[in-house]
Protein backbone atom coordinates (compact mmCIF):
# COMPACT_ATOMS: atom_id res chain seq x y z
CA MET A 1 217.72 121.26 201.58
CA THR A 2 221.01 122.21 201.54
CA ALA A 3 222.57 125.59 203.21
CA SER A 4 223.11 128.74 201.19
CA PRO A 5 226.25 130.37 201.41
CA ALA A 6 224.07 133.35 203.15
CA ARG A 7 222.82 131.40 205.34
CA PRO A 8 224.14 129.94 209.27
CA THR A 9 225.56 126.70 208.57
CA HIS A 10 226.40 126.28 212.50
CA LEU A 11 224.30 127.20 216.12
CA GLN A 12 226.93 129.86 216.86
CA ALA A 13 226.38 131.53 213.41
CA LEU A 14 222.63 131.10 213.41
CA ARG A 15 222.40 132.81 217.13
CA ALA A 16 224.95 135.51 215.83
CA SER A 17 222.71 136.29 212.85
CA GLY A 18 219.89 137.35 215.38
CA TRP A 19 217.38 134.38 213.99
CA THR A 20 214.59 133.82 216.71
CA SER A 21 212.48 130.55 217.25
CA LYS A 22 208.75 131.02 216.38
CA THR A 23 205.89 128.47 216.28
CA VAL A 24 203.85 127.91 213.19
CA GLN A 25 200.91 129.81 214.24
CA HIS A 26 203.49 132.45 215.19
CA GLU A 27 204.98 132.55 211.85
CA LEU A 28 202.17 132.26 209.75
CA ARG A 29 200.32 135.23 211.93
CA ASP A 30 203.42 137.58 211.38
CA ASN A 31 203.64 136.89 207.49
CA LEU A 32 200.10 137.57 207.04
CA LEU A 33 199.71 140.59 208.91
CA ALA A 34 202.77 141.91 206.69
CA ALA A 35 201.07 141.14 203.53
CA LEU A 36 198.01 142.78 204.72
CA LYS A 37 199.82 145.69 205.54
CA ARG A 38 201.42 145.80 202.05
CA GLY A 39 198.45 145.53 200.64
CA ASP A 40 199.17 141.94 198.85
CA GLU A 41 196.82 139.57 196.77
CA LEU A 42 196.41 136.91 199.48
CA PHE A 43 195.00 134.02 197.64
CA PRO A 44 196.29 134.56 194.11
CA GLY A 45 193.72 132.75 191.96
CA ILE A 46 191.07 132.29 194.35
CA VAL A 47 188.20 133.73 192.86
CA GLY A 48 184.60 134.71 194.50
CA TYR A 49 185.70 134.22 198.01
CA GLU A 50 186.86 137.87 198.60
CA ASN A 51 183.92 138.91 200.90
CA THR A 52 183.13 135.58 202.15
CA VAL A 53 185.63 132.81 202.51
CA ILE A 54 188.85 134.61 202.77
CA PRO A 55 188.27 136.51 205.45
CA GLU A 56 187.32 133.77 207.49
CA ILE A 57 190.64 132.40 206.81
CA ASN A 58 192.28 135.24 207.67
CA ILE A 59 190.68 135.58 211.52
CA ALA A 60 191.40 131.85 211.81
CA LEU A 61 194.99 132.45 211.04
CA LEU A 62 195.47 135.35 213.05
CA ALA A 63 193.74 133.54 216.42
CA GLY A 64 196.46 130.37 215.55
CA HIS A 65 193.60 128.27 215.04
CA ASP A 66 193.37 124.86 213.48
CA MET A 67 190.96 124.62 210.69
CA LEU A 68 188.38 122.58 209.00
CA PHE A 69 187.25 123.38 205.27
CA LEU A 70 183.55 122.36 204.76
CA GLY A 71 182.36 122.30 201.52
CA GLU A 72 181.07 120.36 198.29
CA LYS A 73 183.68 119.03 196.23
CA GLY A 74 184.89 121.33 193.66
CA GLN A 75 184.86 124.28 195.81
CA ALA A 76 188.53 125.01 196.21
CA LYS A 77 189.22 123.09 199.56
CA SER A 78 192.46 121.71 198.83
CA ARG A 79 193.94 124.70 196.88
CA LEU A 80 193.03 126.94 199.67
CA MET A 81 194.58 124.88 202.41
CA ARG A 82 197.76 124.46 200.44
CA SER A 83 197.86 128.23 199.36
CA LEU A 84 198.33 128.41 203.33
CA VAL A 85 202.20 127.34 202.77
CA ARG A 86 202.82 131.30 201.08
CA PHE A 87 202.20 132.57 204.54
CA LEU A 88 205.31 130.12 206.01
CA ASP A 89 208.90 132.02 205.93
CA GLU A 90 210.54 131.21 202.89
CA PHE A 91 213.51 128.97 205.06
CA ILE A 92 213.89 127.94 208.55
CA PRO A 93 216.75 126.42 210.04
CA TYR A 94 216.81 122.89 211.40
CA LEU A 95 219.52 120.63 213.33
CA ASP A 96 220.86 118.57 210.91
CA ILE A 97 221.18 115.25 212.04
CA PRO A 98 221.38 112.29 210.02
CA GLY A 99 218.98 109.99 209.67
CA SER A 100 216.36 112.14 211.74
CA PRO A 101 212.86 111.92 210.36
CA VAL A 102 212.35 115.56 212.05
CA HIS A 103 213.44 118.93 211.18
CA GLU A 104 214.22 119.87 214.78
CA ASP A 105 213.94 123.94 216.00
CA PRO A 106 217.56 124.30 217.08
CA GLU A 107 216.77 125.97 220.13
CA LYS A 108 213.81 123.65 221.37
CA PRO A 109 214.38 119.87 219.77
CA ILE A 110 211.65 117.39 220.75
CA THR A 111 213.55 114.44 220.03
CA ARG A 112 216.16 112.60 222.43
CA ALA A 113 219.01 112.96 219.66
CA GLY A 114 218.21 116.77 219.42
CA LYS A 115 218.51 117.27 222.86
CA GLU A 116 221.59 115.68 223.44
CA LEU A 117 223.15 117.16 220.59
CA LEU A 118 221.82 120.57 222.13
CA ALA A 119 223.19 119.89 225.42
CA HIS A 120 226.59 117.68 224.93
CA THR A 121 228.21 119.85 221.81
CA ALA A 122 229.51 123.18 221.30
CA PRO A 123 227.52 125.50 219.37
CA GLU A 124 230.04 125.87 216.46
CA ASN A 125 230.09 122.09 215.86
CA ILE A 126 226.08 121.80 215.46
CA PRO A 127 225.34 121.68 211.84
CA ILE A 128 222.57 123.59 210.66
CA ALA A 129 220.32 122.86 207.52
CA TRP A 130 217.56 125.00 206.09
CA TRP A 131 214.06 123.50 205.23
CA HIS A 132 211.94 125.67 202.40
CA ARG A 133 208.25 126.38 202.76
CA GLN A 134 206.87 124.18 200.19
CA ASP A 135 208.43 121.28 202.04
CA ARG A 136 206.61 122.10 204.98
CA TYR A 137 203.30 120.62 203.87
CA ALA A 138 201.87 117.23 203.66
CA GLU A 139 198.24 116.32 202.85
CA ARG A 140 196.73 112.89 203.02
CA LEU A 141 193.13 111.39 201.69
CA ALA A 142 191.54 109.38 204.60
CA PRO A 143 190.11 106.58 202.66
CA GLY A 144 192.31 103.94 203.34
CA THR A 145 194.52 105.59 205.48
CA LYS A 146 196.25 103.49 208.65
CA PHE A 147 197.58 104.73 211.76
CA ALA A 148 200.70 104.15 211.10
CA ASP A 149 200.55 106.15 208.15
CA ILE A 150 199.87 109.79 209.67
CA ILE A 151 200.75 109.16 213.16
CA GLY A 152 203.47 106.25 213.61
CA GLU A 153 204.63 102.69 214.68
CA ILE A 154 206.54 100.40 216.28
CA ASP A 155 209.55 99.75 213.52
CA PRO A 156 209.76 96.02 213.33
CA ALA A 157 213.55 96.25 211.42
CA LYS A 158 214.75 98.00 214.03
CA LEU A 159 213.41 95.46 216.88
CA ALA A 160 215.04 92.71 215.04
CA ALA A 161 218.42 94.92 214.68
CA GLY A 162 218.15 94.75 218.39
CA THR A 163 216.88 98.25 219.21
CA SER A 164 214.81 97.93 222.98
CA MET A 165 211.29 98.35 222.37
CA SER A 166 211.18 100.92 225.04
CA ALA A 167 213.55 103.23 223.18
CA GLU A 168 212.41 105.98 220.78
CA ASP A 169 214.47 104.79 217.75
CA ALA A 170 212.43 102.01 217.77
CA LEU A 171 209.37 104.09 216.48
CA HIS A 172 208.53 104.88 212.84
CA PHE A 173 207.00 108.31 212.74
CA GLY A 174 204.15 109.03 210.65
CA LEU A 175 203.11 112.12 208.11
CA ILE A 176 202.62 114.08 211.47
CA PRO A 177 205.36 114.24 213.26
CA ARG A 178 207.36 114.64 210.29
CA MET A 179 205.55 117.69 209.81
CA HIS A 180 206.65 118.45 213.00
CA ARG A 181 207.32 122.89 211.98
CA GLY A 182 204.65 122.65 209.05
CA ILE A 183 201.57 122.10 207.98
CA PHE A 184 199.74 118.66 207.59
CA ALA A 185 195.95 118.47 205.72
CA MET A 186 193.38 115.42 206.00
CA ASN A 187 191.02 115.14 203.34
CA GLU A 188 187.83 113.68 203.85
CA VAL A 189 188.07 113.36 207.40
CA PRO A 190 184.86 111.36 208.11
CA GLU A 191 186.26 108.82 206.26
CA LEU A 192 188.54 108.19 208.69
CA ASP A 193 188.86 105.07 211.04
CA GLU A 194 187.87 105.93 214.85
CA LEU A 195 190.83 105.26 216.38
CA ILE A 196 193.00 107.57 213.99
CA GLN A 197 190.21 110.37 214.80
CA VAL A 198 190.95 109.60 218.47
CA GLY A 199 194.73 109.68 217.76
CA LEU A 200 194.27 113.33 215.94
CA PHE A 201 192.01 114.50 218.65
CA ASN A 202 195.14 113.96 221.27
CA ILE A 203 197.32 116.08 219.18
CA LEU A 204 194.82 118.93 218.75
CA GLU A 205 194.65 118.22 222.48
CA GLU A 206 198.22 117.91 223.67
CA ARG A 207 200.14 118.42 220.84
CA ASP A 208 202.02 115.00 221.63
CA VAL A 209 202.14 111.54 220.01
CA GLN A 210 200.83 108.13 221.56
CA ILE A 211 202.25 104.77 219.70
CA ARG A 212 200.98 101.82 220.74
CA GLY A 213 200.95 102.86 224.41
CA TYR A 214 204.50 103.95 224.12
CA PRO A 215 205.26 106.78 227.32
CA ILE A 216 206.25 109.46 224.83
CA GLN A 217 205.41 113.08 224.66
CA PHE A 218 206.92 115.22 221.84
CA ASP A 219 205.37 119.07 222.32
CA LEU A 220 204.27 119.16 218.65
CA ASP A 221 204.55 122.34 216.34
CA VAL A 222 202.41 121.59 213.36
CA MET A 223 199.29 123.22 212.21
CA ILE A 224 196.12 120.80 211.43
CA LEU A 225 193.75 121.03 208.02
CA PHE A 226 190.88 119.11 207.43
CA SER A 227 188.08 119.15 204.97
CA ALA A 228 184.81 117.53 204.53
CA ASN A 229 181.62 117.21 202.83
CA PRO A 230 178.67 118.74 205.10
CA THR A 231 176.36 115.73 204.50
CA THR A 232 179.36 113.32 205.70
CA TYR A 233 180.57 115.72 208.27
CA ASN A 234 177.21 116.59 210.31
CA ARG A 235 176.11 112.67 210.01
CA SER A 236 176.19 111.20 213.17
CA GLY A 237 178.70 108.95 214.33
CA LYS A 238 181.26 109.98 211.09
CA VAL A 239 183.48 112.53 213.11
CA ILE A 240 183.64 111.87 216.88
CA PRO A 241 182.56 114.77 219.08
CA GLN A 242 185.95 115.34 221.05
CA LEU A 243 187.45 115.92 217.59
CA LYS A 244 185.18 118.66 215.99
CA ASP A 245 185.28 120.15 219.29
CA ARG A 246 189.09 120.85 218.91
CA ILE A 247 189.30 122.37 215.64
CA GLY A 248 189.39 126.07 216.07
CA SER A 249 187.63 127.31 213.04
CA LEU A 250 185.29 126.18 210.29
CA ILE A 251 185.66 127.78 207.19
CA GLN A 252 182.84 127.09 204.97
CA THR A 253 183.39 126.88 201.08
CA HIS A 254 180.28 127.64 198.16
CA TYR A 255 180.18 127.60 194.99
CA PRO A 256 180.10 130.84 192.73
CA LEU A 257 177.60 132.95 194.02
CA ASP A 258 176.82 134.39 190.49
CA ARG A 259 176.96 133.28 186.88
CA GLY A 260 179.88 135.90 186.12
CA LEU A 261 182.10 134.43 188.49
CA GLY A 262 181.42 131.28 187.63
CA ILE A 263 182.47 132.06 183.84
CA GLN A 264 185.36 133.76 185.40
CA ILE A 265 186.54 130.39 187.44
CA THR A 266 185.86 128.41 184.53
CA GLU A 267 187.72 130.17 182.26
CA GLN A 268 190.65 130.41 184.55
CA GLU A 269 190.49 126.23 185.34
CA ALA A 270 190.11 125.46 181.52
CA GLN A 271 193.84 126.49 180.77
CA LEU A 272 193.42 127.02 177.42
CA ASP A 273 195.05 128.79 175.09
CA LEU A 274 192.19 130.30 172.24
CA GLY A 275 194.66 131.89 170.17
CA GLY A 276 197.70 130.21 167.92
CA GLU A 277 197.47 128.77 164.54
CA PHE A 278 193.35 127.55 164.96
CA PRO A 279 192.18 130.62 167.00
CA VAL A 280 188.63 129.94 168.71
CA LEU A 281 186.25 132.82 169.71
CA VAL A 282 183.79 131.92 172.19
CA PRO A 283 180.62 134.14 172.20
CA LEU A 284 179.52 135.16 175.56
CA PHE A 285 175.90 133.44 175.39
CA MET A 286 178.33 130.26 174.95
CA LYS A 287 179.95 130.87 178.17
CA GLU A 288 177.04 131.85 179.95
CA ILE A 289 175.24 128.45 178.90
CA ILE A 290 178.43 125.94 180.11
CA GLU A 291 178.00 127.98 183.41
CA GLN A 292 174.25 127.81 183.76
CA ILE A 293 174.43 123.97 183.03
CA SER A 294 176.48 123.51 186.34
CA ILE A 295 173.95 125.83 187.99
CA ALA A 296 171.40 123.90 186.52
CA ALA A 297 172.92 120.44 187.48
CA ARG A 298 173.10 121.88 191.20
CA LYS A 299 169.36 122.56 191.43
CA SER A 300 168.13 119.23 189.69
CA LYS A 301 165.67 117.02 191.40
CA TYR A 302 167.79 114.35 189.50
CA VAL A 303 171.21 114.89 190.73
CA ASP A 304 172.48 113.92 194.23
CA HIS A 305 172.74 117.50 196.11
CA ALA A 306 174.76 115.96 198.42
CA SER A 307 177.44 115.01 196.43
CA GLY A 308 177.38 118.90 194.71
CA VAL A 309 178.37 119.40 191.40
CA SER A 310 181.99 120.52 191.28
CA ALA A 311 183.87 123.60 189.08
CA ARG A 312 185.82 120.68 187.45
CA PHE A 313 182.37 120.11 185.55
CA SER A 314 182.13 123.80 184.34
CA ALA A 315 186.23 123.26 183.09
CA ALA A 316 186.03 120.07 181.59
CA ASN A 317 182.67 120.92 179.80
CA TYR A 318 184.28 124.52 178.39
CA ARG A 319 187.47 122.44 177.30
CA THR A 320 185.06 120.31 175.36
CA MET A 321 183.21 122.61 173.69
CA VAL A 322 186.22 125.05 172.65
CA VAL A 323 188.24 121.77 171.33
CA SER A 324 185.03 120.72 169.46
CA ALA A 325 184.87 124.16 167.74
CA ARG A 326 188.53 124.01 166.92
CA HIS A 327 188.34 120.84 165.72
CA ARG A 328 185.90 122.34 162.81
CA GLY A 329 188.12 125.07 162.22
CA VAL A 330 190.61 122.79 161.47
CA VAL A 331 188.96 120.65 159.34
CA LEU A 332 186.60 123.17 157.39
CA GLY A 333 189.63 126.10 157.46
CA GLU A 334 187.62 128.34 159.46
CA LYS A 335 189.47 130.98 161.34
CA PRO A 336 188.28 131.87 163.95
CA ALA A 337 186.41 129.07 164.93
CA VAL A 338 183.38 130.01 166.84
CA PRO A 339 181.67 127.09 169.62
CA ARG A 340 178.14 126.64 168.40
CA ILE A 341 174.94 124.62 170.38
CA SER A 342 175.79 121.72 168.34
CA ASP A 343 179.13 121.39 170.18
CA LEU A 344 177.39 120.39 173.29
CA GLY A 345 176.54 117.31 171.64
CA HIS A 346 180.10 116.07 172.72
CA LEU A 347 179.44 117.00 176.43
CA PRO A 348 178.69 113.51 177.63
CA THR A 349 182.03 112.40 177.13
CA SER A 350 183.34 115.57 179.20
CA SER A 351 179.91 114.99 181.75
CA LEU A 352 178.89 111.23 182.54
CA GLY A 353 180.69 110.53 185.81
CA LYS A 354 180.71 113.58 187.23
CA LEU A 355 177.16 113.87 188.15
CA GLU A 356 175.72 111.35 190.82
CA LEU A 357 171.97 110.84 190.34
CA ASP A 358 169.68 110.96 192.98
CA LEU A 359 167.96 107.37 192.83
CA MET A 360 164.90 108.66 194.22
CA GLY A 361 164.29 111.72 191.92
CA SER A 362 165.62 110.56 188.91
CA HIS A 363 163.02 107.89 188.42
CA GLN A 364 165.46 105.09 186.26
CA MET A 365 166.35 107.96 183.78
CA SER A 366 170.03 107.42 182.40
CA GLU A 367 172.53 109.93 183.45
CA LYS A 368 172.64 110.92 179.78
CA GLN A 369 169.15 111.39 179.78
CA VAL A 370 169.32 113.73 183.22
CA LEU A 371 172.03 115.40 181.03
CA GLU A 372 169.90 116.49 178.10
CA ALA A 373 167.70 117.78 180.14
CA ILE A 374 169.70 120.24 182.00
CA VAL A 375 171.46 121.22 179.11
CA ALA A 376 167.75 122.09 177.61
CA ASP A 377 166.90 123.93 180.59
CA ALA A 378 170.35 125.70 180.51
CA ILE A 379 169.43 126.92 176.96
CA GLN A 380 166.18 128.10 178.14
CA VAL A 381 167.23 130.06 181.02
CA VAL A 382 170.48 131.94 178.67
CA PHE A 383 167.80 131.98 175.81
CA GLU A 384 165.17 133.68 177.74
CA GLU A 385 167.91 136.59 178.79
CA TYR A 386 168.52 137.25 175.59
CA VAL A 387 165.80 137.40 173.22
CA ASP A 388 162.15 140.07 173.77
CA ARG A 389 158.83 138.53 173.75
CA HIS A 390 158.50 140.63 170.31
CA GLY A 391 161.24 139.09 168.51
CA LEU A 392 161.04 135.68 169.48
CA GLU A 393 157.54 135.41 168.33
CA GLU A 394 158.40 136.83 164.95
CA ILE A 395 161.29 134.47 164.39
CA ALA A 396 158.80 131.62 165.16
CA SER A 397 156.23 132.69 162.97
CA ILE A 398 158.90 132.34 159.99
CA PHE A 399 159.41 128.69 161.42
CA GLY A 400 155.48 128.68 161.46
CA LYS A 401 155.35 129.04 157.75
CA GLY A 402 157.40 125.96 157.18
CA VAL A 403 161.21 126.63 157.23
CA ARG A 404 163.23 123.54 157.80
CA ILE A 405 166.93 124.08 158.84
CA GLU A 406 169.62 121.70 159.13
CA VAL A 407 172.72 122.42 161.40
CA GLY A 408 175.64 120.40 162.92
CA ASP A 409 178.95 120.53 164.59
CA MET A 410 180.70 119.67 161.36
CA LEU A 411 178.23 121.87 158.88
CA PRO A 412 180.22 124.78 157.61
CA SER A 413 179.48 128.17 158.67
CA ALA A 414 178.49 129.47 155.21
CA GLU A 415 175.83 127.17 155.04
CA TYR A 416 173.92 128.63 157.66
CA ALA A 417 173.66 131.87 155.80
CA LYS A 418 172.23 130.19 152.82
CA ARG A 419 169.29 128.58 154.96
CA LEU A 420 168.39 131.62 156.82
CA GLN A 421 168.19 134.17 153.55
CA ARG A 422 164.57 135.41 155.58
CA VAL A 423 165.75 135.06 158.94
CA PRO A 424 167.76 138.27 159.39
CA GLN A 425 165.61 141.06 159.88
CA ALA A 426 163.50 139.37 162.33
CA TRP A 427 166.81 138.33 163.78
CA ASN A 428 168.71 141.83 164.14
CA LYS A 429 165.31 142.92 166.68
CA ALA A 430 165.22 140.11 168.76
CA PHE A 431 168.92 139.14 169.38
CA GLU A 432 171.24 141.29 171.46
CA VAL A 433 174.13 140.31 169.66
CA ASN A 434 176.56 141.68 167.17
CA VAL A 435 176.35 139.06 164.77
CA GLY A 436 179.36 141.18 162.55
CA GLU A 437 180.53 139.99 159.25
CA SER A 438 181.53 136.19 160.50
CA ASP A 439 179.72 133.80 159.41
CA ALA A 440 181.05 131.30 162.00
CA MET A 441 179.52 134.32 164.85
CA ARG A 442 176.49 133.90 162.55
CA ALA A 443 176.21 130.08 162.41
CA SER A 444 176.19 130.11 166.43
CA CYS A 445 174.15 132.54 167.01
CA VAL A 446 171.46 131.03 164.72
CA GLU A 447 171.65 127.69 167.06
CA PHE A 448 171.60 129.51 169.75
CA VAL A 449 168.14 130.63 168.41
CA LEU A 450 166.72 127.88 167.41
CA ALA A 451 167.90 125.71 170.30
CA GLY A 452 166.37 128.67 172.25
CA LEU A 453 163.11 128.09 170.52
CA TYR A 454 163.26 124.21 170.98
CA ALA A 455 163.77 124.37 174.55
CA SER A 456 160.96 126.78 174.83
CA ASP A 457 158.54 124.21 172.94
CA ARG A 458 158.11 126.61 169.84
CA ILE A 459 159.87 124.14 167.08
CA SER A 460 160.48 120.72 166.89
CA ARG A 461 163.70 118.81 166.48
CA LEU A 462 165.20 116.03 164.77
CA SER A 463 168.63 114.38 165.57
CA LYS A 464 170.19 111.63 162.73
CA HIS A 465 173.52 110.99 162.23
CA GLY A 466 175.15 113.63 163.82
CA ARG A 467 173.14 115.98 161.84
CA ILE A 468 169.72 118.16 163.86
CA THR A 469 167.15 119.36 162.24
CA TYR A 470 164.50 122.07 163.25
CA GLU A 471 160.94 122.53 162.07
CA THR A 472 157.74 123.33 163.07
């Protein structure tokens, strides 16, 4: 990055400015302490970790530790690692050496070229450039990663050009040496080849790089982060003990501790504008059902618990539900559109592929059948929280007298009022939602009660050609 006019452009001016060299860990610690003192929000957009994960990260940063983020998929491990960049200085100076792969500390160069420049050139003639913090972070996904990718290799092109194999110039640096004075993150570390794990162990232990036995020791200044799933990380033989032992802090992540936090995360991650020309109003009980589906999936005996159920599962399902309602609103001219249970019929499009079945527990059930069972369980849990026993039985008794009600994701909301002329009085006793004057909201509430009665085995349901009929 080119230097700003306000920043020194040569070493003499840099020294006169009062700049002092810091390690990455020192830099992170100082900026975190300053943020804590100011009362800053440390990790914007991270919800539900205020009293669990974030304090552990703070302690690890203050201790100058490399970190392992251990948790199931969809627990914001990568986001947390990337967010540490905000605790770096906005810009740091480096020796501006053409062709150099390393952003050298102006006072502590690690390469031969940097050391020779500092030793044999007057400070006013040593050029300085500036490195922005957003460029000081790199990450890699372990599967398919080779030793040369992250550590380095002998460059055959340089050998062919006449460079001696014993010369430092013959080396091609991987991502970690290139992140000298920055942060490097390795995702899914148990999937790394053992040879690469040994190379990482050496970097964590000695902070040097060994490439093909080349006798070189770089005093690397880099924070290294890792992520892993607990099942694979704790499996014997997946991660060498020496590497585990050198990682300073283990940060355990988790899914939302309550449904309310889950809803907050889902709405944040879905990134939907519910307003505009075709607005959508989402009842709380529909948000609760979407999040309860994820909770039920995480508890289901049919789903592989080792894999987990990502927060992306909730966000994708929420988007599908809202868009289904908006589609209906556009076609039928309903404003605002209100999501209904029948909109959940489209969830297979956003769910299939995100659930990994337990082959022992699923008993040959298809993924779609497992999803249907999970959705029914979620509806029942939320329904029973909303409806007291007296009102439930009174509404169920109406269906016992032969009432048949057809619903569907493209049925106009006004049609529900015509079908339920006898229900509203019992409804008001049973259901703790202000239905108001909106036909669309009433239709959503009607479907919720019908689906809840069906999930509680009080009425039956028949699906045909996109329409659902509830009856005794």
